[in-house]
């Protein structure tokens, strides 16, 4: 009788070979969130005021809106990865684990989609307001030009 472990008894009982990739992805999403958050904080500090008009006008530019979209995706992806580890570690029943992971994936996707849709809505609304203000300013200039020019008729 052999008391030592033979290689045949332990084959297939080791690592699932995805832990390192999962860890690297967690580090990448946290670094991405940190960098975009730092960019946004510095950008906020450079704004003249934090009124809705100023911030929504600032979001119409490509840099801030893209950084905020990246922050939304990175935060939800990072949260999903962290909660996935907790579910895999602490939920023992395979059926419950599958249901919990499915619910987690749906919640993370829905949260990120909701955040991106809200961001797009704010950007589109602000761009529309800026365009209508520009059109109103052009119309006022045209009216003033007609009034100064003698009425036109």
N, C-alpha and C. Protein backbone atom coordinates (compact mmCIF):
# COMPACT_ATOMS: atom_id res chain seq x y z
N UNK A 1 0.83 -1.17 0.00
CA UNK A 1 0.00 0.00 0.00
C UNK A 1 0.88 1.25 0.00
N UNK A 2 0.66 2.11 -0.94
CA UNK A 2 1.46 3.31 -1.09
C UNK A 2 0.74 4.49 -0.43
N UNK A 3 1.41 5.14 0.49
CA UNK A 3 0.79 6.27 1.19
C UNK A 3 1.00 7.59 0.43
N UNK A 4 1.91 7.68 -0.50
CA UNK A 4 2.15 8.90 -1.26
C UNK A 4 1.11 9.08 -2.36
N UNK A 5 1.02 10.29 -2.87
CA UNK A 5 0.09 10.55 -3.96
C UNK A 5 0.75 10.24 -5.28
N UNK A 6 0.04 9.51 -6.06
CA UNK A 6 0.54 9.20 -7.39
C UNK A 6 0.02 10.27 -8.35
N UNK A 7 0.72 10.43 -9.41
CA UNK A 7 0.33 11.45 -10.38
C UNK A 7 -1.05 11.18 -10.96
N UNK A 8 -1.45 9.93 -11.07
CA UNK A 8 -2.76 9.58 -11.60
C UNK A 8 -3.90 10.02 -10.70
N UNK A 9 -3.64 10.10 -9.41
CA UNK A 9 -4.69 10.51 -8.48
C UNK A 9 -4.90 12.01 -8.46
N UNK A 10 -3.89 12.77 -8.80
CA UNK A 10 -4.02 14.21 -8.70
C UNK A 10 -4.19 14.90 -10.05
N UNK A 11 -4.12 14.17 -11.12
CA UNK A 11 -4.31 14.79 -12.43
C UNK A 11 -5.71 15.37 -12.54
N UNK A 12 -5.78 16.57 -13.06
CA UNK A 12 -7.07 17.21 -13.26
C UNK A 12 -7.62 17.87 -12.01
N UNK A 13 -6.91 17.80 -10.87
CA UNK A 13 -7.41 18.40 -9.65
C UNK A 13 -6.76 19.75 -9.36
N UNK A 14 -5.93 20.22 -10.24
CA UNK A 14 -5.21 21.47 -9.99
C UNK A 14 -5.96 22.69 -10.51
N UNK A 15 -5.22 23.64 -10.94
CA UNK A 15 -5.76 24.92 -11.39
C UNK A 15 -6.65 24.73 -12.61
N UNK A 16 -7.62 25.62 -12.73
CA UNK A 16 -8.51 25.60 -13.89
C UNK A 16 -7.90 26.36 -15.06
N UNK A 17 -6.71 26.91 -14.87
CA UNK A 17 -5.95 27.60 -15.91
C UNK A 17 -6.62 28.87 -16.42
N UNK A 18 -7.40 29.51 -15.59
CA UNK A 18 -7.96 30.79 -15.99
C UNK A 18 -7.82 31.85 -14.90
N UNK A 19 -7.21 31.50 -13.80
CA UNK A 19 -7.07 32.44 -12.69
C UNK A 19 -6.15 33.61 -13.01
N UNK A 20 -5.05 33.36 -13.69
CA UNK A 20 -4.11 34.44 -14.00
C UNK A 20 -4.73 35.45 -14.96
N UNK A 21 -5.44 34.96 -15.95
CA UNK A 21 -6.11 35.86 -16.89
C UNK A 21 -7.18 36.68 -16.21
N UNK A 22 -7.92 36.06 -15.31
CA UNK A 22 -8.96 36.76 -14.56
C UNK A 22 -8.34 37.85 -13.68
N UNK A 23 -7.23 37.52 -13.03
CA UNK A 23 -6.54 38.49 -12.19
C UNK A 23 -6.03 39.67 -13.02
N UNK A 24 -5.43 39.39 -14.18
CA UNK A 24 -4.94 40.46 -15.04
C UNK A 24 -6.07 41.35 -15.53
N UNK A 25 -7.21 40.76 -15.85
CA UNK A 25 -8.36 41.54 -16.28
C UNK A 25 -8.87 42.44 -15.15
N UNK A 26 -8.87 41.91 -13.92
CA UNK A 26 -9.26 42.74 -12.77
C UNK A 26 -8.31 43.92 -12.61
N UNK A 27 -7.02 43.69 -12.77
CA UNK A 27 -6.04 44.76 -12.64
C UNK A 27 -6.21 45.78 -13.76
N UNK A 28 -6.47 45.31 -14.97
CA UNK A 28 -6.64 46.22 -16.11
C UNK A 28 -7.89 47.09 -15.95
N UNK A 29 -9.00 46.49 -15.50
CA UNK A 29 -10.21 47.29 -15.33
C UNK A 29 -10.06 48.28 -14.18
N UNK A 30 -9.37 47.90 -13.12
CA UNK A 30 -9.17 48.85 -12.02
C UNK A 30 -8.24 49.97 -12.45
N UNK A 31 -7.20 49.67 -13.20
CA UNK A 31 -6.29 50.72 -13.69
C UNK A 31 -7.02 51.64 -14.67
N UNK A 32 -7.83 51.07 -15.56
CA UNK A 32 -8.59 51.89 -16.49
C UNK A 32 -9.57 52.81 -15.78
N UNK A 33 -10.24 52.29 -14.76
CA UNK A 33 -11.17 53.12 -14.00
C UNK A 33 -10.43 54.22 -13.26
N UNK A 34 -9.27 53.90 -12.71
CA UNK A 34 -8.49 54.89 -11.97
C UNK A 34 -8.00 56.01 -12.89
N UNK A 35 -7.51 55.65 -14.05
CA UNK A 35 -6.99 56.65 -14.99
C UNK A 35 -8.11 57.55 -15.51
N UNK A 36 -9.22 56.95 -15.92
CA UNK A 36 -10.32 57.78 -16.43
C UNK A 36 -10.95 58.62 -15.33
N UNK A 37 -11.00 58.10 -14.12
CA UNK A 37 -11.53 58.87 -12.99
C UNK A 37 -10.63 60.06 -12.70
N UNK A 38 -9.33 59.87 -12.73
CA UNK A 38 -8.39 60.97 -12.50
C UNK A 38 -8.53 62.04 -13.59
N UNK A 39 -8.68 61.61 -14.84
CA UNK A 39 -8.88 62.55 -15.94
C UNK A 39 -10.16 63.36 -15.73
N UNK A 40 -11.23 62.69 -15.34
CA UNK A 40 -12.50 63.38 -15.15
C UNK A 40 -12.45 64.35 -13.97
N UNK A 41 -11.79 63.98 -12.89
CA UNK A 41 -11.69 64.88 -11.73
C UNK A 41 -10.89 66.12 -12.11
N UNK A 42 -9.78 65.95 -12.81
CA UNK A 42 -8.99 67.10 -13.24
C UNK A 42 -9.79 67.97 -14.19
N UNK A 43 -10.55 67.35 -15.09
CA UNK A 43 -11.38 68.11 -16.02
C UNK A 43 -12.47 68.87 -15.29
N UNK A 44 -13.09 68.25 -14.27
CA UNK A 44 -14.10 68.94 -13.47
C UNK A 44 -13.51 70.17 -12.78
N UNK A 45 -12.31 70.02 -12.26
CA UNK A 45 -11.68 71.13 -11.55
C UNK A 45 -11.34 72.29 -12.48
N UNK A 46 -11.16 72.02 -13.75
CA UNK A 46 -10.84 73.07 -14.71
C UNK A 46 -12.07 73.78 -15.26
N UNK A 47 -13.26 73.26 -14.98
CA UNK A 47 -14.48 73.92 -15.45
C UNK A 47 -14.71 75.20 -14.66
N UNK A 48 -15.29 76.23 -15.30
CA UNK A 48 -15.52 77.49 -14.59
C UNK A 48 -16.57 77.35 -13.47
N UNK A 49 -17.60 76.58 -13.69
CA UNK A 49 -18.60 76.29 -12.67
C UNK A 49 -19.19 74.90 -12.95
N UNK A 50 -19.96 74.40 -12.03
CA UNK A 50 -20.51 73.05 -12.17
C UNK A 50 -22.02 73.08 -12.41
N UNK A 51 -22.49 74.09 -13.12
CA UNK A 51 -23.91 74.15 -13.45
C UNK A 51 -24.23 73.08 -14.51
N UNK A 52 -25.51 72.78 -14.62
CA UNK A 52 -25.92 71.74 -15.57
C UNK A 52 -25.54 72.12 -17.00
N UNK A 53 -25.72 73.38 -17.34
CA UNK A 53 -25.41 73.83 -18.71
C UNK A 53 -23.91 73.68 -19.01
N UNK A 54 -23.08 74.03 -18.05
CA UNK A 54 -21.63 73.94 -18.25
C UNK A 54 -21.18 72.49 -18.39
N UNK A 55 -21.65 71.64 -17.48
CA UNK A 55 -21.22 70.24 -17.49
C UNK A 55 -21.76 69.52 -18.72
N UNK A 56 -23.03 69.77 -19.07
CA UNK A 56 -23.58 69.10 -20.25
C UNK A 56 -22.91 69.61 -21.53
N UNK A 57 -22.56 70.88 -21.58
CA UNK A 57 -21.80 71.40 -22.72
C UNK A 57 -20.41 70.79 -22.80
N UNK A 58 -19.79 70.58 -21.63
CA UNK A 58 -18.47 69.94 -21.56
C UNK A 58 -18.55 68.50 -22.05
N UNK A 59 -19.67 67.83 -21.74
CA UNK A 59 -19.83 66.43 -22.17
C UNK A 59 -20.04 66.28 -23.67
N UNK A 60 -20.38 67.35 -24.38
CA UNK A 60 -20.56 67.24 -25.82
C UNK A 60 -19.23 67.07 -26.54
N UNK A 61 -18.13 67.37 -25.87
CA UNK A 61 -16.81 67.16 -26.47
C UNK A 61 -16.45 65.67 -26.42
N UNK A 62 -15.64 65.24 -27.34
CA UNK A 62 -15.33 63.82 -27.48
C UNK A 62 -14.55 63.26 -26.30
N UNK A 63 -13.57 63.97 -25.79
CA UNK A 63 -12.72 63.48 -24.71
C UNK A 63 -13.48 63.13 -23.44
N UNK A 64 -14.22 64.08 -22.88
CA UNK A 64 -14.94 63.79 -21.64
C UNK A 64 -16.03 62.72 -21.79
N UNK A 65 -16.77 62.77 -22.89
CA UNK A 65 -17.83 61.77 -23.06
C UNK A 65 -17.24 60.38 -23.27
N UNK A 66 -16.14 60.28 -24.00
CA UNK A 66 -15.49 58.99 -24.20
C UNK A 66 -14.90 58.46 -22.89
N UNK A 67 -14.28 59.36 -22.10
CA UNK A 67 -13.71 58.96 -20.82
C UNK A 67 -14.80 58.49 -19.86
N UNK A 68 -15.94 59.18 -19.85
CA UNK A 68 -17.03 58.76 -18.98
C UNK A 68 -17.62 57.43 -19.43
N UNK A 69 -17.71 57.21 -20.74
CA UNK A 69 -18.19 55.92 -21.24
C UNK A 69 -17.22 54.80 -20.85
N UNK A 70 -15.93 55.05 -20.97
CA UNK A 70 -14.93 54.06 -20.55
C UNK A 70 -15.01 53.78 -19.06
N UNK A 71 -15.25 54.82 -18.26
CA UNK A 71 -15.37 54.64 -16.82
C UNK A 71 -16.58 53.78 -16.48
N UNK A 72 -17.69 54.01 -17.14
CA UNK A 72 -18.90 53.20 -16.90
C UNK A 72 -18.63 51.74 -17.21
N UNK A 73 -18.05 51.48 -18.37
CA UNK A 73 -17.78 50.10 -18.77
C UNK A 73 -16.77 49.45 -17.83
N UNK A 74 -15.70 50.15 -17.49
CA UNK A 74 -14.67 49.58 -16.62
C UNK A 74 -15.20 49.26 -15.23
N UNK A 75 -16.01 50.15 -14.67
CA UNK A 75 -16.54 49.92 -13.32
C UNK A 75 -17.49 48.73 -13.30
N UNK A 76 -18.38 48.65 -14.25
CA UNK A 76 -19.32 47.52 -14.26
C UNK A 76 -18.62 46.20 -14.56
N UNK A 77 -17.63 46.23 -15.45
CA UNK A 77 -16.89 45.00 -15.76
C UNK A 77 -16.08 44.55 -14.54
N UNK A 78 -15.45 45.50 -13.87
CA UNK A 78 -14.66 45.19 -12.68
C UNK A 78 -15.56 44.62 -11.57
N UNK A 79 -16.71 45.22 -11.38
CA UNK A 79 -17.64 44.73 -10.36
C UNK A 79 -18.12 43.32 -10.71
N UNK A 80 -18.39 43.08 -11.98
CA UNK A 80 -18.82 41.75 -12.41
C UNK A 80 -17.75 40.71 -12.16
N UNK A 81 -16.50 41.04 -12.45
CA UNK A 81 -15.41 40.10 -12.23
C UNK A 81 -15.22 39.79 -10.75
N UNK A 82 -15.29 40.81 -9.91
CA UNK A 82 -15.14 40.60 -8.48
C UNK A 82 -16.27 39.77 -7.88
N UNK A 83 -17.49 40.08 -8.28
CA UNK A 83 -18.63 39.31 -7.78
C UNK A 83 -18.63 37.88 -8.33
N UNK A 84 -18.10 37.69 -9.52
CA UNK A 84 -17.99 36.35 -10.08
C UNK A 84 -17.08 35.48 -9.20
N UNK A 85 -15.98 36.04 -8.75
CA UNK A 85 -15.07 35.30 -7.87
C UNK A 85 -15.77 34.94 -6.57
N UNK A 86 -16.52 35.87 -6.01
CA UNK A 86 -17.24 35.57 -4.77
C UNK A 86 -18.27 34.46 -4.97
N UNK A 87 -18.99 34.51 -6.08
CA UNK A 87 -19.99 33.47 -6.35
C UNK A 87 -19.31 32.12 -6.53
N UNK A 88 -18.22 32.09 -7.31
CA UNK A 88 -17.53 30.82 -7.54
C UNK A 88 -16.95 30.26 -6.25
N UNK A 89 -16.53 31.12 -5.33
CA UNK A 89 -15.93 30.65 -4.08
C UNK A 89 -16.95 30.22 -3.05
N UNK A 90 -18.10 30.87 -2.99
CA UNK A 90 -19.00 30.65 -1.87
C UNK A 90 -20.33 29.99 -2.20
N UNK A 91 -20.67 29.85 -3.47
CA UNK A 91 -21.90 29.15 -3.82
C UNK A 91 -21.52 27.73 -4.24
N UNK A 92 -21.99 26.75 -3.45
CA UNK A 92 -21.54 25.37 -3.66
C UNK A 92 -22.41 24.60 -4.64
N UNK A 93 -23.69 24.85 -4.66
CA UNK A 93 -24.60 24.09 -5.52
C UNK A 93 -24.43 24.54 -6.97
N UNK A 94 -24.17 23.62 -7.91
CA UNK A 94 -23.92 24.03 -9.30
C UNK A 94 -25.10 24.77 -9.94
N UNK A 95 -26.32 24.34 -9.64
CA UNK A 95 -27.49 25.01 -10.21
C UNK A 95 -27.63 26.43 -9.70
N UNK A 96 -27.41 26.62 -8.42
CA UNK A 96 -27.47 27.97 -7.85
C UNK A 96 -26.33 28.83 -8.35
N UNK A 97 -25.16 28.23 -8.52
CA UNK A 97 -24.02 28.97 -9.04
C UNK A 97 -24.30 29.47 -10.46
N UNK A 98 -24.87 28.60 -11.28
CA UNK A 98 -25.20 28.99 -12.65
C UNK A 98 -26.23 30.12 -12.65
N UNK A 99 -27.27 29.99 -11.82
CA UNK A 99 -28.31 31.03 -11.75
C UNK A 99 -27.73 32.35 -11.25
N UNK A 100 -26.84 32.28 -10.25
CA UNK A 100 -26.24 33.50 -9.71
C UNK A 100 -25.34 34.16 -10.74
N UNK A 101 -24.55 33.38 -11.46
CA UNK A 101 -23.68 33.95 -12.49
C UNK A 101 -24.48 34.54 -13.65
N UNK A 102 -25.55 33.89 -14.02
CA UNK A 102 -26.41 34.41 -15.08
C UNK A 102 -27.04 35.73 -14.65
N UNK A 103 -27.54 35.77 -13.42
CA UNK A 103 -28.12 37.00 -12.89
C UNK A 103 -27.08 38.11 -12.81
N UNK A 104 -25.88 37.76 -12.38
CA UNK A 104 -24.80 38.74 -12.30
C UNK A 104 -24.47 39.31 -13.67
N UNK A 105 -24.34 38.45 -14.67
CA UNK A 105 -24.02 38.91 -16.02
C UNK A 105 -25.11 39.82 -16.56
N UNK A 106 -26.37 39.45 -16.34
CA UNK A 106 -27.47 40.29 -16.81
C UNK A 106 -27.49 41.63 -16.10
N UNK A 107 -27.27 41.62 -14.78
CA UNK A 107 -27.29 42.87 -14.02
C UNK A 107 -26.13 43.78 -14.43
N UNK A 108 -24.96 43.22 -14.63
CA UNK A 108 -23.80 44.03 -15.03
C UNK A 108 -24.02 44.61 -16.42
N UNK A 109 -24.52 43.81 -17.34
CA UNK A 109 -24.78 44.31 -18.69
C UNK A 109 -25.87 45.38 -18.68
N UNK A 110 -26.94 45.14 -17.92
CA UNK A 110 -28.03 46.11 -17.85
C UNK A 110 -27.57 47.41 -17.22
N UNK A 111 -26.77 47.34 -16.17
CA UNK A 111 -26.28 48.55 -15.52
C UNK A 111 -25.38 49.36 -16.43
N UNK A 112 -24.47 48.69 -17.12
CA UNK A 112 -23.58 49.40 -18.05
C UNK A 112 -24.37 49.99 -19.21
N UNK A 113 -25.32 49.24 -19.74
CA UNK A 113 -26.14 49.74 -20.85
C UNK A 113 -26.95 50.95 -20.41
N UNK A 114 -27.53 50.88 -19.21
CA UNK A 114 -28.30 52.01 -18.69
C UNK A 114 -27.42 53.25 -18.54
N UNK A 115 -26.22 53.08 -18.00
CA UNK A 115 -25.31 54.21 -17.85
C UNK A 115 -24.91 54.81 -19.18
N UNK A 116 -24.64 53.97 -20.17
CA UNK A 116 -24.25 54.47 -21.49
C UNK A 116 -25.42 55.15 -22.20
N UNK A 117 -26.62 54.62 -22.03
CA UNK A 117 -27.79 55.25 -22.64
C UNK A 117 -28.06 56.61 -22.01
N UNK A 118 -27.93 56.71 -20.68
CA UNK A 118 -28.10 58.00 -20.01
C UNK A 118 -27.05 59.00 -20.47
N UNK A 119 -25.82 58.55 -20.62
CA UNK A 119 -24.76 59.43 -21.11
C UNK A 119 -25.06 59.91 -22.52
N UNK A 120 -25.48 58.99 -23.39
CA UNK A 120 -25.80 59.36 -24.77
C UNK A 120 -26.97 60.36 -24.80
N UNK A 121 -27.93 60.15 -23.94
CA UNK A 121 -29.09 61.05 -23.89
C UNK A 121 -28.67 62.46 -23.47
N UNK A 122 -27.81 62.55 -22.47
CA UNK A 122 -27.33 63.86 -22.02
C UNK A 122 -26.53 64.55 -23.12
N UNK A 123 -25.66 63.79 -23.78
CA UNK A 123 -24.83 64.37 -24.84
C UNK A 123 -25.68 64.84 -26.02
N UNK A 124 -26.65 64.03 -26.42
CA UNK A 124 -27.51 64.40 -27.55
C UNK A 124 -28.37 65.61 -27.20
N UNK A 125 -28.90 65.63 -25.99
CA UNK A 125 -29.72 66.77 -25.56
C UNK A 125 -28.90 68.05 -25.50
N UNK A 126 -27.69 67.97 -24.98
CA UNK A 126 -26.83 69.15 -24.89
C UNK A 126 -26.42 69.63 -26.28
N UNK A 127 -26.14 68.70 -27.18
CA UNK A 127 -25.77 69.09 -28.54
C UNK A 127 -26.94 69.75 -29.24
N UNK A 128 -28.15 69.23 -29.00
CA UNK A 128 -29.35 69.84 -29.59
C UNK A 128 -29.59 71.23 -29.06
N UNK A 129 -29.39 71.42 -27.76
CA UNK A 129 -29.56 72.75 -27.18
C UNK A 129 -28.52 73.72 -27.73
N UNK A 130 -27.30 73.27 -27.90
CA UNK A 130 -26.25 74.13 -28.44
C UNK A 130 -26.57 74.51 -29.88
N UNK A 131 -27.08 73.56 -30.65
CA UNK A 131 -27.44 73.85 -32.04
C UNK A 131 -28.61 74.82 -32.11
N UNK A 132 -29.59 74.66 -31.23
CA UNK A 132 -30.74 75.58 -31.26
C UNK A 132 -30.33 76.98 -30.81
N UNK A 133 -29.40 77.07 -29.85
CA UNK A 133 -28.91 78.39 -29.44
C UNK A 133 -28.15 79.06 -30.58
N UNK A 134 -27.36 78.27 -31.32
CA UNK A 134 -26.62 78.83 -32.44
C UNK A 134 -27.57 79.29 -33.54
N UNK A 135 -28.62 78.52 -33.81
CA UNK A 135 -29.60 78.91 -34.83
C UNK A 135 -30.35 80.16 -34.39
N UNK A 136 -30.69 80.26 -33.11
CA UNK A 136 -31.38 81.45 -32.60
C UNK A 136 -30.48 82.67 -32.69
N UNK A 137 -29.20 82.50 -32.41
CA UNK A 137 -28.27 83.63 -32.51
C UNK A 137 -28.13 84.09 -33.95
N UNK A 138 -28.10 83.16 -34.90
CA UNK A 138 -28.03 83.53 -36.31
C UNK A 138 -29.29 84.25 -36.75
N UNK A 139 -30.45 83.78 -36.28
CA UNK A 139 -31.70 84.43 -36.63
C UNK A 139 -31.75 85.84 -36.06
N UNK A 140 -31.27 86.03 -34.83
CA UNK A 140 -31.26 87.37 -34.23
C UNK A 140 -30.32 88.29 -35.00
N UNK A 141 -29.18 87.78 -35.43
CA UNK A 141 -28.26 88.59 -36.22
C UNK A 141 -28.89 88.98 -37.55
N UNK A 142 -29.61 88.05 -38.17
CA UNK A 142 -30.26 88.35 -39.44
C UNK A 142 -31.34 89.41 -39.25
N UNK A 143 -32.11 89.31 -38.17
CA UNK A 143 -33.15 90.30 -37.90
C UNK A 143 -32.54 91.66 -37.62
N UNK A 144 -31.48 91.69 -36.84
CA UNK A 144 -30.81 92.95 -36.55
C UNK A 144 -30.21 93.56 -37.82
N UNK A 145 -29.69 92.72 -38.68
CA UNK A 145 -29.14 93.21 -39.94
C UNK A 145 -30.21 93.79 -40.84
N UNK A 146 -31.38 93.16 -40.85
CA UNK A 146 -32.50 93.68 -41.65
C UNK A 146 -33.01 94.99 -41.07
N UNK A 147 -33.04 95.09 -39.74
CA UNK A 147 -33.53 96.31 -39.12
C UNK A 147 -32.55 97.47 -39.36
N UNK A 148 -31.27 97.18 -39.34
CA UNK A 148 -30.29 98.23 -39.57
C UNK A 148 -30.20 98.60 -41.04
N UNK A 149 -30.55 97.65 -41.89
CA UNK A 149 -30.47 97.89 -43.32
C UNK A 149 -31.69 98.59 -43.89
N UNK A 150 -32.68 98.88 -43.08
CA UNK A 150 -33.83 99.64 -43.56
C UNK A 150 -35.04 98.79 -43.82
N UNK A 151 -35.10 97.58 -43.33
CA UNK A 151 -36.31 96.79 -43.46
C UNK A 151 -36.31 95.88 -44.65
N UNK A 152 -35.58 96.10 -45.67
CA UNK A 152 -35.46 95.19 -46.79
C UNK A 152 -36.53 95.35 -47.85
N UNK A 153 -37.61 96.10 -47.64
CA UNK A 153 -38.64 96.21 -48.66
C UNK A 153 -38.77 97.60 -49.08
